[in-house]
PDB file of all heavy atoms in Angstrom:
ATOM      1  N   PRO A   1     -69.928-163.756  51.684  1.00  0.00           N
ATOM      2  CA  PRO A   1     -69.536-162.544  50.963  1.00  0.00           C
ATOM      3  C   PRO A   1     -70.731-161.679  50.579  1.00  0.00           C
ATOM      4  O   PRO A   1     -70.553-160.552  50.113  1.00  0.00           O
ATOM      5  CB  PRO A   1     -68.839-163.095  49.710  1.00  0.00           C
ATOM      6  CG  PRO A   1     -69.482-164.419  49.476  1.00  0.00           C
ATOM      7  CD  PRO A   1     -69.766-164.969  50.848  1.00  0.00           C
ATOM      8  N   HIS A   2     -71.932-162.188  50.795  1.00  0.00           N
ATOM      9  CA  HIS A   2     -73.145-161.484  50.379  1.00  0.00           C
ATOM     10  C   HIS A   2     -73.801-160.697  51.515  1.00  0.00           C
ATOM     11  O   HIS A   2     -74.819-160.041  51.295  1.00  0.00           O
ATOM     12  CB  HIS A   2     -74.146-162.494  49.802  1.00  0.00           C
ATOM     13  CG  HIS A   2     -73.565-163.388  48.754  1.00  0.00           C
ATOM     14  ND1 HIS A   2     -73.081-162.911  47.557  1.00  0.00           N
ATOM     15  CD2 HIS A   2     -73.355-164.734  48.747  1.00  0.00           C
ATOM     16  CE1 HIS A   2     -72.606-163.921  46.848  1.00  0.00           C
ATOM     17  NE2 HIS A   2     -72.768-165.031  47.549  1.00  0.00           N
ATOM     18  N   LEU A   3     -73.231-160.747  52.724  1.00  0.00           N
ATOM     19  CA  LEU A   3     -73.795-160.030  53.857  1.00  0.00           C
ATOM     20  C   LEU A   3     -73.556-158.532  53.676  1.00  0.00           C
ATOM     21  O   LEU A   3     -72.401-158.100  53.582  1.00  0.00           O
ATOM     22  CB  LEU A   3     -73.150-160.518  55.155  1.00  0.00           C
ATOM     23  CG  LEU A   3     -73.730-159.960  56.456  1.00  0.00           C
ATOM     24  CD1 LEU A   3     -75.115-160.543  56.719  1.00  0.00           C
ATOM     25  CD2 LEU A   3     -72.787-160.259  57.629  1.00  0.00           C
ATOM     26  N   PRO A   4     -74.597-157.710  53.660  1.00  0.00           N
ATOM     27  CA  PRO A   4     -74.382-156.262  53.503  1.00  0.00           C
ATOM     28  C   PRO A   4     -73.676-155.686  54.724  1.00  0.00           C
ATOM     29  O   PRO A   4     -74.035-155.979  55.864  1.00  0.00           O
ATOM     30  CB  PRO A   4     -75.805-155.704  53.385  1.00  0.00           C
ATOM     31  CG  PRO A   4     -76.679-156.865  53.063  1.00  0.00           C
ATOM     32  CD  PRO A   4     -76.028-158.053  53.697  1.00  0.00           C
ATOM     33  N   VAL A   5     -72.684-154.842  54.468  1.00  0.00           N
ATOM     34  CA  VAL A   5     -71.871-154.272  55.542  1.00  0.00           C
ATOM     35  C   VAL A   5     -71.844-152.745  55.470  1.00  0.00           C
ATOM     36  O   VAL A   5     -72.125-152.069  56.455  1.00  0.00           O
ATOM     37  CB  VAL A   5     -70.440-154.852  55.490  1.00  0.00           C
ATOM     38  CG1 VAL A   5     -69.498-154.069  56.394  1.00  0.00           C
ATOM     39  CG2 VAL A   5     -70.448-156.327  55.893  1.00  0.00           C
ATOM     40  N   THR A   6     -71.514-152.186  54.311  1.00  0.00           N
ATOM     41  CA  THR A   6     -71.438-150.731  54.187  1.00  0.00           C
ATOM     42  C   THR A   6     -72.846-150.142  54.089  1.00  0.00           C
ATOM     43  O   THR A   6     -73.821-150.840  53.790  1.00  0.00           O
ATOM     44  CB  THR A   6     -70.654-150.324  52.940  1.00  0.00           C
ATOM     45  OG1 THR A   6     -71.410-150.686  51.771  1.00  0.00           O
ATOM     46  CG2 THR A   6     -69.293-151.007  52.899  1.00  0.00           C
ATOM     47  N   ALA A   7     -72.946-148.839  54.311  1.00  0.00           N
ATOM     48  CA  ALA A   7     -74.244-148.169  54.210  1.00  0.00           C
ATOM     49  C   ALA A   7     -74.839-148.330  52.816  1.00  0.00           C
ATOM     50  O   ALA A   7     -76.052-148.559  52.662  1.00  0.00           O
ATOM     51  CB  ALA A   7     -74.097-146.686  54.562  1.00  0.00           C
ATOM     52  N   ASP A   8     -73.992-148.236  51.793  1.00  0.00           N
ATOM     53  CA  ASP A   8     -74.488-148.398  50.422  1.00  0.00           C
ATOM     54  C   ASP A   8     -75.023-149.812  50.206  1.00  0.00           C
ATOM     55  O   ASP A   8     -76.070-149.991  49.558  1.00  0.00           O
ATOM     56  CB  ASP A   8     -73.366-148.115  49.415  1.00  0.00           C
ATOM     57  CG  ASP A   8     -73.058-146.632  49.277  1.00  0.00           C
ATOM     58  OD1 ASP A   8     -73.862-145.811  49.767  1.00  0.00           O
ATOM     59  OD2 ASP A   8     -72.011-146.297  48.689  1.00  0.00           O
ATOM     60  N   GLU A   9     -74.299-150.806  50.720  1.00  0.00           N
ATOM     61  CA  GLU A   9     -74.746-152.191  50.562  1.00  0.00           C
ATOM     62  C   GLU A   9     -76.056-152.436  51.304  1.00  0.00           C
ATOM     63  O   GLU A   9     -76.954-153.125  50.788  1.00  0.00           O
ATOM     64  CB  GLU A   9     -73.668-153.147  51.073  1.00  0.00           C
ATOM     65  CG  GLU A   9     -72.432-153.212  50.190  1.00  0.00           C
ATOM     66  CD  GLU A   9     -71.265-153.935  50.855  1.00  0.00           C
ATOM     67  OE1 GLU A   9     -71.331-154.238  52.071  1.00  0.00           O
ATOM     68  OE2 GLU A   9     -70.276-154.189  50.145  1.00  0.00           O
ATOM     69  N   ILE A  10     -76.181-151.896  52.516  1.00  0.00           N
ATOM     70  CA  ILE A  10     -77.408-152.072  53.300  1.00  0.00           C
ATOM     71  C   ILE A  10     -78.584-151.412  52.597  1.00  0.00           C
ATOM     72  O   ILE A  10     -79.662-152.006  52.464  1.00  0.00           O
ATOM     73  CB  ILE A  10     -77.213-151.534  54.721  1.00  0.00           C
ATOM     74  CG1 ILE A  10     -76.224-152.416  55.491  1.00  0.00           C
ATOM     75  CG2 ILE A  10     -78.549-151.451  55.467  1.00  0.00           C
ATOM     76  CD1 ILE A  10     -75.741-151.825  56.800  1.00  0.00           C
ATOM     77  N   ALA A  11     -78.385-150.187  52.110  1.00  0.00           N
ATOM     78  CA  ALA A  11     -79.464-149.488  51.410  1.00  0.00           C
ATOM     79  C   ALA A  11     -79.869-150.236  50.146  1.00  0.00           C
ATOM     80  O   ALA A  11     -81.071-150.456  49.895  1.00  0.00           O
ATOM     81  CB  ALA A  11     -79.017-148.067  51.058  1.00  0.00           C
ATOM     82  N   GLN A  12     -78.892-150.633  49.340  1.00  0.00           N
ATOM     83  CA  GLN A  12     -79.193-151.319  48.086  1.00  0.00           C
ATOM     84  C   GLN A  12     -79.892-152.647  48.344  1.00  0.00           C
ATOM     85  O   GLN A  12     -80.862-153.000  47.658  1.00  0.00           O
ATOM     86  CB  GLN A  12     -77.911-151.547  47.287  1.00  0.00           C
ATOM     87  CG  GLN A  12     -78.138-152.089  45.881  1.00  0.00           C
ATOM     88  CD  GLN A  12     -78.969-151.148  45.019  1.00  0.00           C
ATOM     89  OE1 GLN A  12     -78.843-149.929  45.114  1.00  0.00           O
ATOM     90  NE2 GLN A  12     -79.845-151.713  44.192  1.00  0.00           N
ATOM     91  N   SER A  13     -79.440-153.389  49.348  1.00  0.00           N
ATOM     92  CA  SER A  13     -80.038-154.685  49.651  1.00  0.00           C
ATOM     93  C   SER A  13     -81.473-154.514  50.157  1.00  0.00           C
ATOM     94  O   SER A  13     -82.364-155.297  49.804  1.00  0.00           O
ATOM     95  CB  SER A  13     -79.187-155.420  50.683  1.00  0.00           C
ATOM     96  OG  SER A  13     -79.497-156.789  50.704  1.00  0.00           O
ATOM     97  N   ALA A  14     -81.688-153.482  50.962  1.00  0.00           N
ATOM     98  CA  ALA A  14     -83.043-153.212  51.453  1.00  0.00           C
ATOM     99  C   ALA A  14     -83.981-152.836  50.310  1.00  0.00           C
ATOM    100  O   ALA A  14     -85.132-153.299  50.252  1.00  0.00           O
ATOM    101  CB  ALA A  14     -83.006-152.100  52.493  1.00  0.00           C
ATOM    102  N   LEU A  15     -83.494-152.013  49.394  1.00  0.00           N
ATOM    103  CA  LEU A  15     -84.332-151.594  48.266  1.00  0.00           C
ATOM    104  C   LEU A  15     -84.631-152.768  47.336  1.00  0.00           C
ATOM    105  O   LEU A  15     -85.754-152.886  46.817  1.00  0.00           O
ATOM    106  CB  LEU A  15     -83.644-150.460  47.503  1.00  0.00           C
ATOM    107  CG  LEU A  15     -83.574-149.122  48.254  1.00  0.00           C
ATOM    108  CD1 LEU A  15     -82.694-148.128  47.512  1.00  0.00           C
ATOM    109  CD2 LEU A  15     -84.968-148.541  48.477  1.00  0.00           C
ATOM    110  N   GLU A  16     -83.657-153.641  47.136  1.00  0.00           N
ATOM    111  CA  GLU A  16     -83.895-154.837  46.317  1.00  0.00           C
ATOM    112  C   GLU A  16     -84.924-155.750  46.990  1.00  0.00           C
ATOM    113  O   GLU A  16     -85.778-156.333  46.307  1.00  0.00           O
ATOM    114  CB  GLU A  16     -82.585-155.585  46.101  1.00  0.00           C
ATOM    115  CG  GLU A  16     -81.601-154.875  45.189  1.00  0.00           C
ATOM    116  CD  GLU A  16     -80.237-155.556  45.174  1.00  0.00           C
ATOM    117  OE1 GLU A  16     -80.054-156.550  45.916  1.00  0.00           O
ATOM    118  OE2 GLU A  16     -79.358-155.090  44.421  1.00  0.00           O
ATOM    119  N   ALA A  17     -84.845-155.874  48.311  1.00  0.00           N
ATOM    120  CA  ALA A  17     -85.816-156.692  49.041  1.00  0.00           C
ATOM    121  C   ALA A  17     -87.218-156.114  48.905  1.00  0.00           C
ATOM    122  O   ALA A  17     -88.201-156.845  48.717  1.00  0.00           O
ATOM    123  CB  ALA A  17     -85.420-156.801  50.508  1.00  0.00           C
ATOM    124  N   ALA A  18     -87.324-154.789  48.996  1.00  0.00           N
ATOM    125  CA  ALA A  18     -88.622-154.132  48.846  1.00  0.00           C
ATOM    126  C   ALA A  18     -89.176-154.351  47.438  1.00  0.00           C
ATOM    127  O   ALA A  18     -90.372-154.630  47.257  1.00  0.00           O
ATOM    128  CB  ALA A  18     -88.487-152.643  49.154  1.00  0.00           C
ATOM    129  N   GLU A  19     -88.309-154.236  46.457  1.00  0.00           N
ATOM    130  CA  GLU A  19     -88.729-154.450  45.069  1.00  0.00           C
ATOM    131  C   GLU A  19     -89.222-155.886  44.865  1.00  0.00           C
ATOM    132  O   GLU A  19     -90.173-156.137  44.101  1.00  0.00           O
ATOM    133  CB  GLU A  19     -87.562-154.154  44.127  1.00  0.00           C
ATOM    134  CG  GLU A  19     -87.888-154.261  42.655  1.00  0.00           C
ATOM    135  CD  GLU A  19     -88.849-153.195  42.154  1.00  0.00           C
ATOM    136  OE1 GLU A  19     -88.938-152.114  42.776  1.00  0.00           O
ATOM    137  OE2 GLU A  19     -89.522-153.451  41.135  1.00  0.00           O
ATOM    138  N   ALA A  20     -88.616-156.828  45.579  1.00  0.00           N
ATOM    139  CA  ALA A  20     -89.008-158.237  45.458  1.00  0.00           C
ATOM    140  C   ALA A  20     -90.307-158.551  46.193  1.00  0.00           C
ATOM    141  O   ALA A  20     -90.898-159.613  45.957  1.00  0.00           O
ATOM    142  CB  ALA A  20     -87.888-159.123  45.990  1.00  0.00           C
ATOM    143  N   GLY A  21     -90.738-157.672  47.090  1.00  0.00           N
ATOM    144  CA  GLY A  21     -92.022-157.897  47.756  1.00  0.00           C
ATOM    145  C   GLY A  21     -92.043-157.687  49.252  1.00  0.00           C
ATOM    146  O   GLY A  21     -93.086-157.880  49.880  1.00  0.00           O
ATOM    147  N   ALA A  22     -90.922-157.293  49.855  1.00  0.00           N
ATOM    148  CA  ALA A  22     -90.932-157.025  51.292  1.00  0.00           C
ATOM    149  C   ALA A  22     -91.663-155.711  51.564  1.00  0.00           C
ATOM    150  O   ALA A  22     -91.337-154.684  50.960  1.00  0.00           O
ATOM    151  CB  ALA A  22     -89.507-156.954  51.836  1.00  0.00           C
ATOM    152  N   ALA A  23     -92.620-155.751  52.473  1.00  0.00           N
ATOM    153  CA  ALA A  23     -93.333-154.532  52.868  1.00  0.00           C
ATOM    154  C   ALA A  23     -92.601-153.794  53.977  1.00  0.00           C
ATOM    155  O   ALA A  23     -92.800-152.592  54.169  1.00  0.00           O
ATOM    156  CB  ALA A  23     -94.746-154.867  53.329  1.00  0.00           C
ATOM    157  N   ILE A  24     -91.764-154.527  54.738  1.00  0.00           N
ATOM    158  CA  ILE A  24     -91.009-153.964  55.863  1.00  0.00           C
ATOM    159  C   ILE A  24     -89.553-154.385  55.722  1.00  0.00           C
ATOM    160  O   ILE A  24     -89.267-155.547  55.416  1.00  0.00           O
ATOM    161  CB  ILE A  24     -91.558-154.465  57.217  1.00  0.00           C
ATOM    162  CG1 ILE A  24     -93.024-154.060  57.403  1.00  0.00           C
ATOM    163  CG2 ILE A  24     -90.712-153.954  58.379  1.00  0.00           C
ATOM    164  CD1 ILE A  24     -93.673-154.662  58.645  1.00  0.00           C
ATOM    165  N   VAL A  25     -88.635-153.452  55.966  1.00  0.00           N
ATOM    166  CA  VAL A  25     -87.222-153.812  56.075  1.00  0.00           C
ATOM    167  C   VAL A  25     -86.755-153.500  57.490  1.00  0.00           C
ATOM    168  O   VAL A  25     -87.009-152.423  58.028  1.00  0.00           O
ATOM    169  CB  VAL A  25     -86.340-153.092  55.027  1.00  0.00           C
ATOM    170  CG1 VAL A  25     -86.610-153.658  53.646  1.00  0.00           C
ATOM    171  CG2 VAL A  25     -86.530-151.583  55.043  1.00  0.00           C
ATOM    172  N   HIS A  26     -86.100-154.476  58.103  1.00  0.00           N
ATOM    173  CA  HIS A  26     -85.625-154.402  59.494  1.00  0.00           C
ATOM    174  C   HIS A  26     -84.128-154.169  59.448  1.00  0.00           C
ATOM    175  O   HIS A  26     -83.382-154.954  58.851  1.00  0.00           O
ATOM    176  CB  HIS A  26     -85.973-155.717  60.198  1.00  0.00           C
ATOM    177  CG  HIS A  26     -85.365-155.881  61.552  1.00  0.00           C
ATOM    178  ND1 HIS A  26     -85.924-155.347  62.687  1.00  0.00           N
ATOM    179  CD2 HIS A  26     -84.236-156.518  61.954  1.00  0.00           C
ATOM    180  CE1 HIS A  26     -85.174-155.658  63.735  1.00  0.00           C
ATOM    181  NE2 HIS A  26     -84.136-156.362  63.310  1.00  0.00           N
ATOM    182  N   LEU A  27     -83.658-153.081  60.095  1.00  0.00           N
ATOM    183  CA  LEU A  27     -82.320-152.582  59.830  1.00  0.00           C
ATOM    184  C   LEU A  27     -81.426-152.516  61.060  1.00  0.00           C
ATOM    185  O   LEU A  27     -81.839-152.058  62.130  1.00  0.00           O
ATOM    186  CB  LEU A  27     -82.417-151.180  59.210  1.00  0.00           C
ATOM    187  CG  LEU A  27     -83.249-151.092  57.913  1.00  0.00           C
ATOM    188  CD1 LEU A  27     -83.386-149.649  57.475  1.00  0.00           C
ATOM    189  CD2 LEU A  27     -82.615-151.930  56.801  1.00  0.00           C
ATOM    190  N   HIS A  28     -80.196-152.974  60.887  1.00  0.00           N
ATOM    191  CA  HIS A  28     -79.071-152.783  61.795  1.00  0.00           C
ATOM    192  C   HIS A  28     -77.991-152.027  61.031  1.00  0.00           C
ATOM    193  O   HIS A  28     -78.033-151.919  59.808  1.00  0.00           O
ATOM    194  CB  HIS A  28     -78.480-154.126  62.232  1.00  0.00           C
ATOM    195  CG  HIS A  28     -79.344-154.935  63.149  1.00  0.00           C
ATOM    196  ND1 HIS A  28     -78.932-155.326  64.403  1.00  0.00           N
ATOM    197  CD2 HIS A  28     -80.586-155.467  62.988  1.00  0.00           C
ATOM    198  CE1 HIS A  28     -79.871-156.052  64.976  1.00  0.00           C
ATOM    199  NE2 HIS A  28     -80.888-156.156  64.138  1.00  0.00           N
ATOM    200  N   ALA A  29     -76.976-151.545  61.766  1.00  0.00           N
ATOM    201  CA  ALA A  29     -75.833-150.869  61.140  1.00  0.00           C
ATOM    202  C   ALA A  29     -74.549-151.627  61.460  1.00  0.00           C
ATOM    203  O   ALA A  29     -74.456-152.312  62.484  1.00  0.00           O
ATOM    204  CB  ALA A  29     -75.741-149.429  61.633  1.00  0.00           C
TER     205      ALA A  29
END
């Protein structure tokens, strides 16, 4: 249930990952 699917979920999850320390986010749609 935690897999990001919508654009909002993907964006929010990527931003949270960056805040946690990811320098790069790798993205699919």
